[in-house]
Amino acid sequence: DGSSRISTSWNDKESYPKNGNYRLCL
């Protein structure tokens, strides 16, 4: 819940999971 950052090599967008779920639109 918010303690990890998910990112990609595609661009600089990031997502932080909330309540065990995340969504990162590219």
mmCIF file of all heavy atoms, coordinates in Angstrom:
data_MODEL
# 
_entry.id   MODEL 
# 
loop_
_atom_site.group_PDB 
_atom_site.id 
_atom_site.type_symbol 
_atom_site.label_atom_id 
_atom_site.label_alt_id 
_atom_site.label_comp_id 
_atom_site.label_asym_id 
_atom_site.label_entity_id 
_atom_site.label_seq_id 
_atom_site.pdbx_PDB_ins_code 
_atom_site.Cartn_x 
_atom_site.Cartn_y 
_atom_site.Cartn_z 
_atom_site.occupancy 
_atom_site.B_iso_or_equiv 
_atom_site.pdbx_formal_charge 
_atom_site.auth_seq_id 
_atom_site.auth_comp_id 
_atom_site.auth_asym_id 
_atom_site.auth_atom_id 
_atom_site.pdbx_PDB_model_num 
ATOM 1   N N   . ASP A 1 1  ? 0.835  -1.198 0.000   1.00 0.00 ? 1  ASP A N   1 
ATOM 2   C CA  . ASP A 1 1  ? 0.000  0.000  0.000   1.00 0.00 ? 1  ASP A CA  1 
ATOM 3   C C   . ASP A 1 1  ? 0.875  1.256  0.000   1.00 0.00 ? 1  ASP A C   1 
ATOM 4   O O   . ASP A 1 1  ? 1.215  1.783  1.053   1.00 0.00 ? 1  ASP A O   1 
ATOM 5   C CB  . ASP A 1 1  ? -0.938 0.003  1.208   1.00 0.00 ? 1  ASP A CB  1 
ATOM 6   C CG  . ASP A 1 1  ? -2.033 1.042  1.089   1.00 0.00 ? 1  ASP A CG  1 
ATOM 7   O OD1 . ASP A 1 1  ? -2.242 1.578  -0.019  1.00 0.00 ? 1  ASP A OD1 1 
ATOM 8   O OD2 . ASP A 1 1  ? -2.682 1.327  2.099   1.00 0.00 ? 1  ASP A OD2 1 
ATOM 9   N N   . GLY A 1 2  ? 1.274  1.695  -1.191  1.00 0.00 ? 2  GLY A N   1 
ATOM 10  C CA  . GLY A 1 2  ? 1.993  2.949  -1.336  1.00 0.00 ? 2  GLY A CA  1 
ATOM 11  C C   . GLY A 1 2  ? 3.487  2.903  -1.062  1.00 0.00 ? 2  GLY A C   1 
ATOM 12  O O   . GLY A 1 2  ? 4.172  3.897  -1.252  1.00 0.00 ? 2  GLY A O   1 
ATOM 13  N N   . SER A 1 3  ? 4.018  1.786  -0.629  1.00 0.00 ? 3  SER A N   1 
ATOM 14  C CA  . SER A 1 3  ? 5.435  1.744  -0.256  1.00 0.00 ? 3  SER A CA  1 
ATOM 15  C C   . SER A 1 3  ? 6.345  1.274  -1.391  1.00 0.00 ? 3  SER A C   1 
ATOM 16  O O   . SER A 1 3  ? 7.545  1.112  -1.184  1.00 0.00 ? 3  SER A O   1 
ATOM 17  C CB  . SER A 1 3  ? 5.621  0.828  0.952   1.00 0.00 ? 3  SER A CB  1 
ATOM 18  O OG  . SER A 1 3  ? 5.227  -0.489 0.626   1.00 0.00 ? 3  SER A OG  1 
ATOM 19  N N   . SER A 1 4  ? 5.820  1.071  -2.581  1.00 0.00 ? 4  SER A N   1 
ATOM 20  C CA  . SER A 1 4  ? 6.620  0.628  -3.726  1.00 0.00 ? 4  SER A CA  1 
ATOM 21  C C   . SER A 1 4  ? 6.249  1.440  -4.957  1.00 0.00 ? 4  SER A C   1 
ATOM 22  O O   . SER A 1 4  ? 5.096  1.811  -5.143  1.00 0.00 ? 4  SER A O   1 
ATOM 23  C CB  . SER A 1 4  ? 6.376  -0.856 -4.014  1.00 0.00 ? 4  SER A CB  1 
ATOM 24  O OG  . SER A 1 4  ? 6.790  -1.636 -2.936  1.00 0.00 ? 4  SER A OG  1 
ATOM 25  N N   . ARG A 1 5  ? 7.250  1.690  -5.803  1.00 0.00 ? 5  ARG A N   1 
ATOM 26  C CA  . ARG A 1 5  ? 7.044  2.466  -7.029  1.00 0.00 ? 5  ARG A CA  1 
ATOM 27  C C   . ARG A 1 5  ? 7.222  1.542  -8.227  1.00 0.00 ? 5  ARG A C   1 
ATOM 28  O O   . ARG A 1 5  ? 8.244  0.876  -8.368  1.00 0.00 ? 5  ARG A O   1 
ATOM 29  C CB  . ARG A 1 5  ? 8.046  3.609  -7.101  1.00 0.00 ? 5  ARG A CB  1 
ATOM 30  C CG  . ARG A 1 5  ? 7.954  4.439  -8.361  1.00 0.00 ? 5  ARG A CG  1 
ATOM 31  C CD  . ARG A 1 5  ? 8.914  5.630  -8.311  1.00 0.00 ? 5  ARG A CD  1 
ATOM 32  N NE  . ARG A 1 5  ? 10.224 5.295  -7.786  1.00 0.00 ? 5  ARG A NE  1 
ATOM 33  C CZ  . ARG A 1 5  ? 11.282 4.972  -8.540  1.00 0.00 ? 5  ARG A CZ  1 
ATOM 34  N NH1 . ARG A 1 5  ? 11.184 4.932  -9.841  1.00 0.00 ? 5  ARG A NH1 1 
ATOM 35  N NH2 . ARG A 1 5  ? 12.436 4.702  -7.964  1.00 0.00 ? 5  ARG A NH2 1 
ATOM 36  N N   . ILE A 1 6  ? 6.255  1.520  -9.106  1.00 0.00 ? 6  ILE A N   1 
ATOM 37  C CA  . ILE A 1 6  ? 6.312  0.722  -10.327 1.00 0.00 ? 6  ILE A CA  1 
ATOM 38  C C   . ILE A 1 6  ? 6.501  1.678  -11.499 1.00 0.00 ? 6  ILE A C   1 
ATOM 39  O O   . ILE A 1 6  ? 5.785  2.676  -11.621 1.00 0.00 ? 6  ILE A O   1 
ATOM 40  C CB  . ILE A 1 6  ? 5.018  -0.103 -10.503 1.00 0.00 ? 6  ILE A CB  1 
ATOM 41  C CG1 . ILE A 1 6  ? 4.836  -1.025 -9.295  1.00 0.00 ? 6  ILE A CG1 1 
ATOM 42  C CG2 . ILE A 1 6  ? 5.053  -0.892 -11.805 1.00 0.00 ? 6  ILE A CG2 1 
ATOM 43  C CD1 . ILE A 1 6  ? 3.453  -1.589 -9.149  1.00 0.00 ? 6  ILE A CD1 1 
ATOM 44  N N   . SER A 1 7  ? 7.480  1.384  -12.344 1.00 0.00 ? 7  SER A N   1 
ATOM 45  C CA  . SER A 1 7  ? 7.752  2.213  -13.515 1.00 0.00 ? 7  SER A CA  1 
ATOM 46  C C   . SER A 1 7  ? 8.209  1.303  -14.652 1.00 0.00 ? 7  SER A C   1 
ATOM 47  O O   . SER A 1 7  ? 8.358  0.098  -14.469 1.00 0.00 ? 7  SER A O   1 
ATOM 48  C CB  . SER A 1 7  ? 8.808  3.272  -13.194 1.00 0.00 ? 7  SER A CB  1 
ATOM 49  O OG  . SER A 1 7  ? 10.006 2.658  -12.756 1.00 0.00 ? 7  SER A OG  1 
ATOM 50  N N   . THR A 1 8  ? 8.421  1.896  -15.836 1.00 0.00 ? 8  THR A N   1 
ATOM 51  C CA  . THR A 1 8  ? 8.818  1.095  -16.998 1.00 0.00 ? 8  THR A CA  1 
ATOM 52  C C   . THR A 1 8  ? 9.917  1.803  -17.787 1.00 0.00 ? 8  THR A C   1 
ATOM 53  O O   . THR A 1 8  ? 10.193 2.987  -17.569 1.00 0.00 ? 8  THR A O   1 
ATOM 54  C CB  . THR A 1 8  ? 7.629  0.865  -17.960 1.00 0.00 ? 8  THR A CB  1 
ATOM 55  O OG1 . THR A 1 8  ? 7.316  2.100  -18.605 1.00 0.00 ? 8  THR A OG1 1 
ATOM 56  C CG2 . THR A 1 8  ? 6.424  0.304  -17.249 1.00 0.00 ? 8  THR A CG2 1 
ATOM 57  N N   . SER A 1 9  ? 10.492 1.074  -18.730 1.00 0.00 ? 9  SER A N   1 
ATOM 58  C CA  . SER A 1 9  ? 11.471 1.649  -19.644 1.00 0.00 ? 9  SER A CA  1 
ATOM 59  C C   . SER A 1 9  ? 10.794 2.435  -20.766 1.00 0.00 ? 9  SER A C   1 
ATOM 60  O O   . SER A 1 9  ? 11.461 3.121  -21.533 1.00 0.00 ? 9  SER A O   1 
ATOM 61  C CB  . SER A 1 9  ? 12.341 0.533  -20.256 1.00 0.00 ? 9  SER A CB  1 
ATOM 62  O OG  . SER A 1 9  ? 11.527 -0.389 -20.965 1.00 0.00 ? 9  SER A OG  1 
ATOM 63  N N   . TRP A 1 10 ? 9.467  2.348  -20.849 1.00 0.00 ? 10 TRP A N   1 
ATOM 64  C CA  . TRP A 1 10 ? 8.734  2.984  -21.941 1.00 0.00 ? 10 TRP A CA  1 
ATOM 65  C C   . TRP A 1 10 ? 8.678  4.503  -21.791 1.00 0.00 ? 10 TRP A C   1 
ATOM 66  O O   . TRP A 1 10 ? 8.823  5.238  -22.752 1.00 0.00 ? 10 TRP A O   1 
ATOM 67  C CB  . TRP A 1 10 ? 7.331  2.396  -22.027 1.00 0.00 ? 10 TRP A CB  1 
ATOM 68  C CG  . TRP A 1 10 ? 6.511  2.945  -23.151 1.00 0.00 ? 10 TRP A CG  1 
ATOM 69  C CD1 . TRP A 1 10 ? 5.397  3.727  -23.054 1.00 0.00 ? 10 TRP A CD1 1 
ATOM 70  C CD2 . TRP A 1 10 ? 6.738  2.756  -24.543 1.00 0.00 ? 10 TRP A CD2 1 
ATOM 71  N NE1 . TRP A 1 10 ? 4.918  4.028  -24.292 1.00 0.00 ? 10 TRP A NE1 1 
ATOM 72  C CE2 . TRP A 1 10 ? 5.732  3.444  -25.233 1.00 0.00 ? 10 TRP A CE2 1 
ATOM 73  C CE3 . TRP A 1 10 ? 7.702  2.074  -25.270 1.00 0.00 ? 10 TRP A CE3 1 
ATOM 74  C CZ2 . TRP A 1 10 ? 5.656  3.467  -26.617 1.00 0.00 ? 10 TRP A CZ2 1 
ATOM 75  C CZ3 . TRP A 1 10 ? 7.623  2.092  -26.653 1.00 0.00 ? 10 TRP A CZ3 1 
ATOM 76  C CH2 . TRP A 1 10 ? 6.613  2.788  -27.305 1.00 0.00 ? 10 TRP A CH2 1 
ATOM 77  N N   . ASN A 1 11 ? 8.429  4.975  -20.571 1.00 0.00 ? 11 ASN A N   1 
ATOM 78  C CA  . ASN A 1 11 ? 8.358  6.419  -20.327 1.00 0.00 ? 11 ASN A CA  1 
ATOM 79  C C   . ASN A 1 11 ? 8.600  6.690  -18.842 1.00 0.00 ? 11 ASN A C   1 
ATOM 80  O O   . ASN A 1 11 ? 8.981  5.788  -18.100 1.00 0.00 ? 11 ASN A O   1 
ATOM 81  C CB  . ASN A 1 11 ? 7.020  7.010  -20.803 1.00 0.00 ? 11 ASN A CB  1 
ATOM 82  C CG  . ASN A 1 11 ? 5.829  6.373  -20.140 1.00 0.00 ? 11 ASN A CG  1 
ATOM 83  O OD1 . ASN A 1 11 ? 5.933  5.842  -19.041 1.00 0.00 ? 11 ASN A OD1 1 
ATOM 84  N ND2 . ASN A 1 11 ? 4.693  6.390  -20.800 1.00 0.00 ? 11 ASN A ND2 1 
ATOM 85  N N   . ASP A 1 12 ? 8.356  7.903  -18.405 1.00 0.00 ? 12 ASP A N   1 
ATOM 86  C CA  . ASP A 1 12 ? 8.649  8.269  -17.013 1.00 0.00 ? 12 ASP A CA  1 
ATOM 87  C C   . ASP A 1 12 ? 7.428  8.198  -16.086 1.00 0.00 ? 12 ASP A C   1 
ATOM 88  O O   . ASP A 1 12 ? 7.478  8.682  -14.964 1.00 0.00 ? 12 ASP A O   1 
ATOM 89  C CB  . ASP A 1 12 ? 9.265  9.663  -16.951 1.00 0.00 ? 12 ASP A CB  1 
ATOM 90  C CG  . ASP A 1 12 ? 8.353  10.743 -17.516 1.00 0.00 ? 12 ASP A CG  1 
ATOM 91  O OD1 . ASP A 1 12 ? 7.288  10.403 -18.063 1.00 0.00 ? 12 ASP A OD1 1 
ATOM 92  O OD2 . ASP A 1 12 ? 8.712  11.922 -17.424 1.00 0.00 ? 12 ASP A OD2 1 
ATOM 93  N N   . LYS A 1 13 ? 6.356  7.572  -16.523 1.00 0.00 ? 13 LYS A N   1 
ATOM 94  C CA  . LYS A 1 13 ? 5.169  7.460  -15.666 1.00 0.00 ? 13 LYS A CA  1 
ATOM 95  C C   . LYS A 1 13 ? 5.412  6.434  -14.566 1.00 0.00 ? 13 LYS A C   1 
ATOM 96  O O   . LYS A 1 13 ? 6.171  5.484  -14.746 1.00 0.00 ? 13 LYS A O   1 
ATOM 97  C CB  . LYS A 1 13 ? 3.940  7.094  -16.494 1.00 0.00 ? 13 LYS A CB  1 
ATOM 98  C CG  . LYS A 1 13 ? 3.577  8.183  -17.481 1.00 0.00 ? 13 LYS A CG  1 
ATOM 99  C CD  . LYS A 1 13 ? 2.294  7.898  -18.180 1.00 0.00 ? 13 LYS A CD  1 
ATOM 100 C CE  . LYS A 1 13 ? 1.974  9.066  -19.101 1.00 0.00 ? 13 LYS A CE  1 
ATOM 101 N NZ  . LYS A 1 13 ? 0.652  8.963  -19.649 1.00 0.00 ? 13 LYS A NZ  1 
ATOM 102 N N   . GLU A 1 14 ? 4.749  6.643  -13.429 1.00 0.00 ? 14 GLU A N   1 
ATOM 103 C CA  . GLU A 1 14 ? 4.909  5.768  -12.262 1.00 0.00 ? 14 GLU A CA  1 
ATOM 104 C C   . GLU A 1 14 ? 3.560  5.441  -11.661 1.00 0.00 ? 14 GLU A C   1 
ATOM 105 O O   . GLU A 1 14 ? 2.593  6.163  -11.863 1.00 0.00 ? 14 GLU A O   1 
ATOM 106 C CB  . GLU A 1 14 ? 5.737  6.467  -11.185 1.00 0.00 ? 14 GLU A CB  1 
ATOM 107 C CG  . GLU A 1 14 ? 7.092  6.925  -11.628 1.00 0.00 ? 14 GLU A CG  1 
ATOM 108 C CD  . GLU A 1 14 ? 7.811  7.715  -10.555 1.00 0.00 ? 14 GLU A CD  1 
ATOM 109 O OE1 . GLU A 1 14 ? 7.141  8.358  -9.716  1.00 0.00 ? 14 GLU A OE1 1 
ATOM 110 O OE2 . GLU A 1 14 ? 9.049  7.686  -10.540 1.00 0.00 ? 14 GLU A OE2 1 
ATOM 111 N N   . SER A 1 15 ? 3.537  4.362  -10.890 1.00 0.00 ? 15 SER A N   1 
ATOM 112 C CA  . SER A 1 15 ? 2.339  3.988  -10.150 1.00 0.00 ? 15 SER A CA  1 
ATOM 113 C C   . SER A 1 15 ? 2.754  3.508  -8.763  1.00 0.00 ? 15 SER A C   1 
ATOM 114 O O   . SER A 1 15 ? 3.805  2.876  -8.603  1.00 0.00 ? 15 SER A O   1 
ATOM 115 C CB  . SER A 1 15 ? 1.596  2.871  -10.885 1.00 0.00 ? 15 SER A CB  1 
ATOM 116 O OG  . SER A 1 15 ? 0.455  2.467  -10.158 1.00 0.00 ? 15 SER A OG  1 
ATOM 117 N N   . TYR A 1 16 ? 1.950  3.830  -7.786  1.00 0.00 ? 16 TYR A N   1 
ATOM 118 C CA  . TYR A 1 16 ? 2.159  3.373  -6.410  1.00 0.00 ? 16 TYR A CA  1 
ATOM 119 C C   . TYR A 1 16 ? 0.945  2.540  -6.007  1.00 0.00 ? 16 TYR A C   1 
ATOM 120 O O   . TYR A 1 16 ? -0.172 3.058  -5.983  1.00 0.00 ? 16 TYR A O   1 
ATOM 121 C CB  . TYR A 1 16 ? 2.316  4.572  -5.460  1.00 0.00 ? 16 TYR A CB  1 
ATOM 122 C CG  . TYR A 1 16 ? 3.571  5.357  -5.737  1.00 0.00 ? 16 TYR A CG  1 
ATOM 123 C CD1 . TYR A 1 16 ? 3.598  6.350  -6.706  1.00 0.00 ? 16 TYR A CD1 1 
ATOM 124 C CD2 . TYR A 1 16 ? 4.737  5.090  -5.044  1.00 0.00 ? 16 TYR A CD2 1 
ATOM 125 C CE1 . TYR A 1 16 ? 4.747  7.065  -6.967  1.00 0.00 ? 16 TYR A CE1 1 
ATOM 126 C CE2 . TYR A 1 16 ? 5.901  5.796  -5.296  1.00 0.00 ? 16 TYR A CE2 1 
ATOM 127 C CZ  . TYR A 1 16 ? 5.898  6.788  -6.266  1.00 0.00 ? 16 TYR A CZ  1 
ATOM 128 O OH  . TYR A 1 16 ? 7.047  7.490  -6.532  1.00 0.00 ? 16 TYR A OH  1 
ATOM 129 N N   . PRO A 1 17 ? 1.145  1.252  -5.714  1.00 0.00 ? 17 PRO A N   1 
ATOM 130 C CA  . PRO A 1 17 ? 0.009  0.396  -5.373  1.00 0.00 ? 17 PRO A CA  1 
ATOM 131 C C   . PRO A 1 17 ? -0.801 0.931  -4.188  1.00 0.00 ? 17 PRO A C   1 
ATOM 132 O O   . PRO A 1 17 ? -0.221 1.477  -3.238  1.00 0.00 ? 17 PRO A O   1 
ATOM 133 C CB  . PRO A 1 17 ? 0.660  -0.934 -5.001  1.00 0.00 ? 17 PRO A CB  1 
ATOM 134 C CG  . PRO A 1 17 ? 1.980  -0.915 -5.683  1.00 0.00 ? 17 PRO A CG  1 
ATOM 135 C CD  . PRO A 1 17 ? 2.410  0.519  -5.676  1.00 0.00 ? 17 PRO A CD  1 
ATOM 136 N N   . LYS A 1 18 ? -2.087 0.782  -4.288  1.00 0.00 ? 18 LYS A N   1 
ATOM 137 C CA  . LYS A 1 18 ? -3.004 1.150  -3.204  1.00 0.00 ? 18 LYS A CA  1 
ATOM 138 C C   . LYS A 1 18 ? -3.844 -0.070 -2.873  1.00 0.00 ? 18 LYS A C   1 
ATOM 139 O O   . LYS A 1 18 ? -4.454 -0.650 -3.768  1.00 0.00 ? 18 LYS A O   1 
ATOM 140 C CB  . LYS A 1 18 ? -3.894 2.313  -3.613  1.00 0.00 ? 18 LYS A CB  1 
ATOM 141 C CG  . LYS A 1 18 ? -3.134 3.622  -3.757  1.00 0.00 ? 18 LYS A CG  1 
ATOM 142 C CD  . LYS A 1 18 ? -4.106 4.752  -4.021  1.00 0.00 ? 18 LYS A CD  1 
ATOM 143 C CE  . LYS A 1 18 ? -3.545 6.113  -4.148  1.00 0.00 ? 18 LYS A CE  1 
ATOM 144 N NZ  . LYS A 1 18 ? -2.266 6.442  -4.388  1.00 0.00 ? 18 LYS A NZ  1 
ATOM 145 N N   . ASN A 1 19 ? -3.827 -0.454 -1.622  1.00 0.00 ? 19 ASN A N   1 
ATOM 146 C CA  . ASN A 1 19 ? -4.594 -1.608 -1.159  1.00 0.00 ? 19 ASN A CA  1 
ATOM 147 C C   . ASN A 1 19 ? -4.307 -2.869 -1.983  1.00 0.00 ? 19 ASN A C   1 
ATOM 148 O O   . ASN A 1 19 ? -5.197 -3.639 -2.290  1.00 0.00 ? 19 ASN A O   1 
ATOM 149 C CB  . ASN A 1 19 ? -6.084 -1.282 -1.149  1.00 0.00 ? 19 ASN A CB  1 
ATOM 150 C CG  . ASN A 1 19 ? -6.862 -2.251 -0.287  1.00 0.00 ? 19 ASN A CG  1 
ATOM 151 O OD1 . ASN A 1 19 ? -6.336 -2.814 0.666   1.00 0.00 ? 19 ASN A OD1 1 
ATOM 152 N ND2 . ASN A 1 19 ? -8.116 -2.465 -0.629  1.00 0.00 ? 19 ASN A ND2 1 
ATOM 153 N N   . GLY A 1 20 ? -3.036 -3.020 -2.390  1.00 0.00 ? 20 GLY A N   1 
ATOM 154 C CA  . GLY A 1 20 ? -2.636 -4.234 -3.087  1.00 0.00 ? 20 GLY A CA  1 
ATOM 155 C C   . GLY A 1 20 ? -2.907 -4.276 -4.578  1.00 0.00 ? 20 GLY A C   1 
ATOM 156 O O   . GLY A 1 20 ? -2.704 -5.299 -5.212  1.00 0.00 ? 20 GLY A O   1 
ATOM 157 N N   . ASN A 1 21 ? -3.339 -3.164 -5.173  1.00 0.00 ? 21 ASN A N   1 
ATOM 158 C CA  . ASN A 1 21 ? -3.606 -3.116 -6.614  1.00 0.00 ? 21 ASN A CA  1 
ATOM 159 C C   . ASN A 1 21 ? -2.950 -1.886 -7.222  1.00 0.00 ? 21 ASN A C   1 
ATOM 160 O O   . ASN A 1 21 ? -2.799 -0.860 -6.560  1.00 0.00 ? 21 ASN A O   1 
ATOM 161 C CB  . ASN A 1 21 ? -5.113 -3.049 -6.886  1.00 0.00 ? 21 ASN A CB  1 
ATOM 162 C CG  . ASN A 1 21 ? -5.803 -4.315 -6.465  1.00 0.00 ? 21 ASN A CG  1 
ATOM 163 O OD1 . ASN A 1 21 ? -5.600 -5.367 -7.040  1.00 0.00 ? 21 ASN A OD1 1 
ATOM 164 N ND2 . ASN A 1 21 ? -6.617 -4.216 -5.428  1.00 0.00 ? 21 ASN A ND2 1 
ATOM 165 N N   . TYR A 1 22 ? -2.572 -1.994 -8.494  1.00 0.00 ? 22 TYR A N   1 
ATOM 166 C CA  . TYR A 1 22 ? -1.996 -0.851 -9.190  1.00 0.00 ? 22 TYR A CA  1 
ATOM 167 C C   . TYR A 1 22 ? -2.475 -0.838 -10.632 1.00 0.00 ? 22 TYR A C   1 
ATOM 168 O O   . TYR A 1 22 ? -2.947 -1.839 -11.167 1.00 0.00 ? 22 TYR A O   1 
ATOM 169 C CB  . TYR A 1 22 ? -0.455 -0.906 -9.148  1.00 0.00 ? 22 TYR A CB  1 
ATOM 170 C CG  . TYR A 1 22 ? 0.123  -1.922 -10.090 1.00 0.00 ? 22 TYR A CG  1 
ATOM 171 C CD1 . TYR A 1 22 ? 0.516  -1.566 -11.372 1.00 0.00 ? 22 TYR A CD1 1 
ATOM 172 C CD2 . TYR A 1 22 ? 0.230  -3.256 -9.721  1.00 0.00 ? 22 TYR A CD2 1 
ATOM 173 C CE1 . TYR A 1 22 ? 1.019  -2.513 -12.255 1.00 0.00 ? 22 TYR A CE1 1 
ATOM 174 C CE2 . TYR A 1 22 ? 0.728  -4.199 -10.590 1.00 0.00 ? 22 TYR A CE2 1 
ATOM 175 C CZ  . TYR A 1 22 ? 1.115  -3.823 -11.860 1.00 0.00 ? 22 TYR A CZ  1 
ATOM 176 O OH  . TYR A 1 22 ? 1.591  -4.758 -12.729 1.00 0.00 ? 22 TYR A OH  1 
ATOM 177 N N   . ARG A 1 23 ? -2.356 0.311  -11.253 1.00 0.00 ? 23 ARG A N   1 
ATOM 178 C CA  . ARG A 1 23 ? -2.656 0.487  -12.675 1.00 0.00 ? 23 ARG A CA  1 
ATOM 179 C C   . ARG A 1 23 ? -1.719 1.570  -13.179 1.00 0.00 ? 23 ARG A C   1 
ATOM 180 O O   . ARG A 1 23 ? -1.677 2.665  -12.640 1.00 0.00 ? 23 ARG A O   1 
ATOM 181 C CB  . ARG A 1 23 ? -4.111 0.876  -12.882 1.00 0.00 ? 23 ARG A CB  1 
ATOM 182 C CG  . ARG A 1 23 ? -4.502 0.975  -14.341 1.00 0.00 ? 23 ARG A CG  1 
ATOM 183 C CD  . ARG A 1 23 ? -6.028 1.104  -14.463 1.00 0.00 ? 23 ARG A CD  1 
ATOM 184 N NE  . ARG A 1 23 ? -6.449 1.009  -15.832 1.00 0.00 ? 23 ARG A NE  1 
ATOM 185 C CZ  . ARG A 1 23 ? -6.659 -0.127 -16.494 1.00 0.00 ? 23 ARG A CZ  1 
ATOM 186 N NH1 . ARG A 1 23 ? -6.491 -1.275 -15.869 1.00 0.00 ? 23 ARG A NH1 1 
ATOM 187 N NH2 . ARG A 1 23 ? -7.036 -0.126 -17.751 1.00 0.00 ? 23 ARG A NH2 1 
ATOM 188 N N   . LEU A 1 24 ? -0.957 1.245  -14.206 1.00 0.00 ? 24 LEU A N   1 
ATOM 189 C CA  . LEU A 1 24 ? -0.004 2.184  -14.787 1.00 0.00 ? 24 LEU A CA  1 
ATOM 190 C C   . LEU A 1 24 ? -0.286 2.302  -16.281 1.00 0.00 ? 24 LEU A C   1 
ATOM 191 O O   . LEU A 1 24 ? 0.022  1.403  -17.067 1.00 0.00 ? 24 LEU A O   1 
ATOM 192 C CB  . LEU A 1 24 ? 1.430  1.683  -14.558 1.00 0.00 ? 24 LEU A CB  1 
ATOM 193 C CG  . LEU A 1 24 ? 2.559  2.494  -15.193 1.00 0.00 ? 24 LEU A CG  1 
ATOM 194 C CD1 . LEU A 1 24 ? 2.529  3.947  -14.719 1.00 0.00 ? 24 LEU A CD1 1 
ATOM 195 C CD2 . LEU A 1 24 ? 3.902  1.869  -14.864 1.00 0.00 ? 24 LEU A CD2 1 
ATOM 196 N N   . CYS A 1 25 ? -0.933 3.398  -16.668 1.00 0.00 ? 25 CYS A N   1 
ATOM 197 C CA  . CYS A 1 25 ? -1.243 3.620  -18.081 1.00 0.00 ? 25 CYS A CA  1 
ATOM 198 C C   . CYS A 1 25 ? -0.036 4.281  -18.736 1.00 0.00 ? 25 CYS A C   1 
ATOM 199 O O   . CYS A 1 25 ? 0.526  5.241  -18.207 1.00 0.00 ? 25 CYS A O   1 
ATOM 200 C CB  . CYS A 1 25 ? -2.504 4.451  -18.233 1.00 0.00 ? 25 CYS A CB  1 
ATOM 201 S SG  . CYS A 1 25 ? -3.968 3.521  -17.707 1.00 0.00 ? 25 CYS A SG  1 
ATOM 202 N N   . LEU A 1 26 ? 0.352  3.747  -19.885 1.00 0.00 ? 26 LEU A N   1 
ATOM 203 C CA  . LEU A 1 26 ? 1.598  4.144  -20.525 1.00 0.00 ? 26 LEU A CA  1 
ATOM 204 C C   . LEU A 1 26 ? 1.461  5.313  -21.492 1.00 0.00 ? 26 LEU A C   1 
ATOM 205 O O   . LEU A 1 26 ? 2.447  5.836  -21.972 1.00 0.00 ? 26 LEU A O   1 
ATOM 206 C CB  . LEU A 1 26 ? 2.200  2.935  -21.248 1.00 0.00 ? 26 LEU A CB  1 
ATOM 207 C CG  . LEU A 1 26 ? 2.449  1.726  -20.340 1.00 0.00 ? 26 LEU A CG  1 
ATOM 208 C CD1 . LEU A 1 26 ? 2.910  0.536  -21.176 1.00 0.00 ? 26 LEU A CD1 1 
ATOM 209 C CD2 . LEU A 1 26 ? 3.454  2.056  -19.262 1.00 0.00 ? 26 LEU A CD2 1 
# 
